[in-house]
Amino acid sequence: MAFRSTEATIADGVSMRMVQLINTQDVGELAIIKSLLDGNRIAYVIHGEHMSSLYPGVPFFLSRVMVDVSDQARAEVLLSRLRLSIREASA
């Protein structure tokens, strides 16, 4: 994954250094990721959240999930656990 970062300002004017966590085109996968991050109180920003639903199947309309650099490691562990549990359930 390419490292991308950006600055984002969230509630109360708090500035965060955001890094890319994952790209996805699947609206269902995005909903699960958002729920996982919300449930673990990890702030995130999604670039292009609704573009993939406007143009389904077009590979260059991806939703890019960004998290604060301080939450990146924890978010990556959560996503890896999610992928593992999906893999085990489908096997």
C-alpha atoms as a PDB file:
ATOM      1  CA  MET A   1       0.000   0.000   0.000  1.00  0.00           C
ATOM      2  CA  ALA A   2       1.306   3.428  -0.877  1.00  0.00           C
ATOM      3  CA  PHE A   3       1.764   5.761   2.068  1.00  0.00           C
ATOM      4  CA  ARG A   4      -0.400   8.835   1.740  1.00  0.00           C
ATOM      5  CA  SER A   5      -1.047  11.421   4.354  1.00  0.00           C
ATOM      6  CA  THR A   6      -3.158  14.509   4.665  1.00  0.00           C
ATOM      7  CA  GLU A   7      -4.263  16.949   7.329  1.00  0.00           C
ATOM      8  CA  ALA A   8      -7.879  16.890   8.460  1.00  0.00           C
ATOM      9  CA  THR A   9      -9.737  19.070  10.921  1.00  0.00           C
ATOM     10  CA  ILE A  10     -12.440  17.372  12.960  1.00  0.00           C
ATOM     11  CA  ALA A  11     -14.818  18.572  15.671  1.00  0.00           C
ATOM     12  CA  ASP A  12     -13.699  21.426  17.900  1.00  0.00           C
ATOM     13  CA  GLY A  13     -10.996  22.442  15.409  1.00  0.00           C
ATOM     14  CA  VAL A  14      -8.681  19.536  16.320  1.00  0.00           C
ATOM     15  CA  SER A  15      -6.176  18.903  13.530  1.00  0.00           C
ATOM     16  CA  MET A  16      -5.122  15.335  12.759  1.00  0.00           C
ATOM     17  CA  ARG A  17      -2.428  13.889  10.523  1.00  0.00           C
ATOM     18  CA  MET A  18      -4.331  11.327   8.481  1.00  0.00           C
ATOM     19  CA  VAL A  19      -2.796   8.320   6.710  1.00  0.00           C
ATOM     20  CA  GLN A  20      -4.405   5.943   4.268  1.00  0.00           C
ATOM     21  CA  LEU A  21      -5.648   2.749   5.892  1.00  0.00           C
ATOM     22  CA  ILE A  22      -7.346   0.972   2.989  1.00  0.00           C
ATOM     23  CA  ASN A  23      -9.007   1.494  -0.377  1.00  0.00           C
ATOM     24  CA  THR A  24     -12.237  -0.249  -1.220  1.00  0.00           C
ATOM     25  CA  GLN A  25     -14.809  -0.206  -3.976  1.00  0.00           C
ATOM     26  CA  ASP A  26     -17.316  -2.409  -2.159  1.00  0.00           C
ATOM     27  CA  VAL A  27     -20.040  -0.449  -0.330  1.00  0.00           C
ATOM     28  CA  GLY A  28     -20.714  -3.380   2.029  1.00  0.00           C
ATOM     29  CA  GLU A  29     -17.044  -3.707   2.949  1.00  0.00           C
ATOM     30  CA  LEU A  30     -16.902   0.028   3.586  1.00  0.00           C
ATOM     31  CA  ALA A  31     -19.903  -0.206   5.949  1.00  0.00           C
ATOM     32  CA  ILE A  32     -18.195  -2.980   7.931  1.00  0.00           C
ATOM     33  CA  ILE A  33     -14.940  -1.008   8.145  1.00  0.00           C
ATOM     34  CA  LYS A  34     -16.785   2.104   9.330  1.00  0.00           C
ATOM     35  CA  SER A  35     -18.634   0.075  11.977  1.00  0.00           C
ATOM     36  CA  LEU A  36     -15.373  -1.512  13.158  1.00  0.00           C
ATOM     37  CA  LEU A  37     -13.646   1.868  13.461  1.00  0.00           C
ATOM     38  CA  ASP A  38     -16.669   3.485  15.150  1.00  0.00           C
ATOM     39  CA  GLY A  39     -16.927   0.607  17.624  1.00  0.00           C
ATOM     40  CA  ASN A  40     -13.284   1.073  18.583  1.00  0.00           C
ATOM     41  CA  ARG A  41     -13.521   4.867  18.739  1.00  0.00           C
ATOM     42  CA  ILE A  42     -11.039   5.415  15.933  1.00  0.00           C
ATOM     43  CA  ALA A  43     -11.623   8.683  14.083  1.00  0.00           C
ATOM     44  CA  TYR A  44     -11.580   8.383  10.296  1.00  0.00           C
ATOM     45  CA  VAL A  45     -12.251  10.298   7.103  1.00  0.00           C
ATOM     46  CA  ILE A  46     -13.449   8.677   3.890  1.00  0.00           C
ATOM     47  CA  HIS A  47     -12.545  10.252   0.563  1.00  0.00           C
ATOM     48  CA  GLY A  48     -14.905   9.374  -2.297  1.00  0.00           C
ATOM     49  CA  GLU A  49     -17.333   7.517  -0.048  1.00  0.00           C
ATOM     50  CA  HIS A  50     -20.284   7.670  -2.434  1.00  0.00           C
ATOM     51  CA  MET A  51     -18.502   7.622  -5.796  1.00  0.00           C
ATOM     52  CA  SER A  52     -18.346   3.832  -6.043  1.00  0.00           C
ATOM     53  CA  SER A  53     -22.105   3.578  -5.502  1.00  0.00           C
ATOM     54  CA  LEU A  54     -22.742   6.131  -8.263  1.00  0.00           C
ATOM     55  CA  TYR A  55     -20.566   4.216 -10.715  1.00  0.00           C
ATOM     56  CA  PRO A  56     -20.499   0.545  -9.606  1.00  0.00           C
ATOM     57  CA  GLY A  57     -17.890  -1.605 -11.304  1.00  0.00           C
ATOM     58  CA  VAL A  58     -15.702   1.319 -12.379  1.00  0.00           C
ATOM     59  CA  PRO A  59     -12.331   0.448 -10.824  1.00  0.00           C
ATOM     60  CA  PHE A  60     -10.949   3.974 -10.476  1.00  0.00           C
ATOM     61  CA  PHE A  61     -13.735   5.160  -8.155  1.00  0.00           C
ATOM     62  CA  LEU A  62     -12.426   3.860  -4.858  1.00  0.00           C
ATOM     63  CA  SER A  63     -13.294   4.954  -1.348  1.00  0.00           C
ATOM     64  CA  ARG A  64     -10.129   5.782   0.559  1.00  0.00           C
ATOM     65  CA  VAL A  65     -10.330   5.296   4.350  1.00  0.00           C
ATOM     66  CA  MET A  66      -7.969   7.571   6.276  1.00  0.00           C
ATOM     67  CA  VAL A  67      -7.150   7.362  10.012  1.00  0.00           C
ATOM     68  CA  ASP A  68      -4.970   9.432  12.318  1.00  0.00           C
ATOM     69  CA  VAL A  69      -1.337   8.356  12.258  1.00  0.00           C
ATOM     70  CA  SER A  70      -1.530   7.621  16.008  1.00  0.00           C
ATOM     71  CA  ASP A  71      -4.381   5.122  15.404  1.00  0.00           C
ATOM     72  CA  GLN A  72      -2.913   3.507  12.284  1.00  0.00           C
ATOM     73  CA  ALA A  73      -1.335   0.446  13.943  1.00  0.00           C
ATOM     74  CA  ARG A  74      -4.455  -0.336  15.991  1.00  0.00           C
ATOM     75  CA  ALA A  75      -6.721   0.075  12.959  1.00  0.00           C
ATOM     76  CA  GLU A  76      -4.503  -2.208  10.857  1.00  0.00           C
ATOM     77  CA  VAL A  77      -4.652  -4.912  13.541  1.00  0.00           C
ATOM     78  CA  LEU A  78      -8.451  -4.652  13.651  1.00  0.00           C
ATOM     79  CA  LEU A  79      -8.682  -4.958   9.868  1.00  0.00           C
ATOM     80  CA  SER A  80      -6.324  -7.940   9.814  1.00  0.00           C
ATOM     81  CA  ARG A  81      -8.495  -9.688  12.426  1.00  0.00           C
ATOM     82  CA  LEU A  82     -11.566  -8.941  10.336  1.00  0.00           C
ATOM     83  CA  ARG A  83      -9.952 -10.423   7.218  1.00  0.00           C
ATOM     84  CA  LEU A  84      -8.886 -13.505   9.179  1.00  0.00           C
ATOM     85  CA  SER A  85     -12.376 -14.127  10.568  1.00  0.00           C
ATOM     86  CA  ILE A  86     -13.928 -13.729   7.110  1.00  0.00           C
ATOM     87  CA  ARG A  87     -11.396 -16.139   5.635  1.00  0.00           C
ATOM     88  CA  GLU A  88     -12.102 -18.720   8.376  1.00  0.00           C
ATOM     89  CA  ALA A  89     -15.860 -18.448   7.912  1.00  0.00           C
ATOM     90  CA  SER A  90     -15.674 -18.904   4.158  1.00  0.00           C
ATOM     91  CA  ALA A  91     -13.269 -21.882   4.306  1.00  0.00           C
END
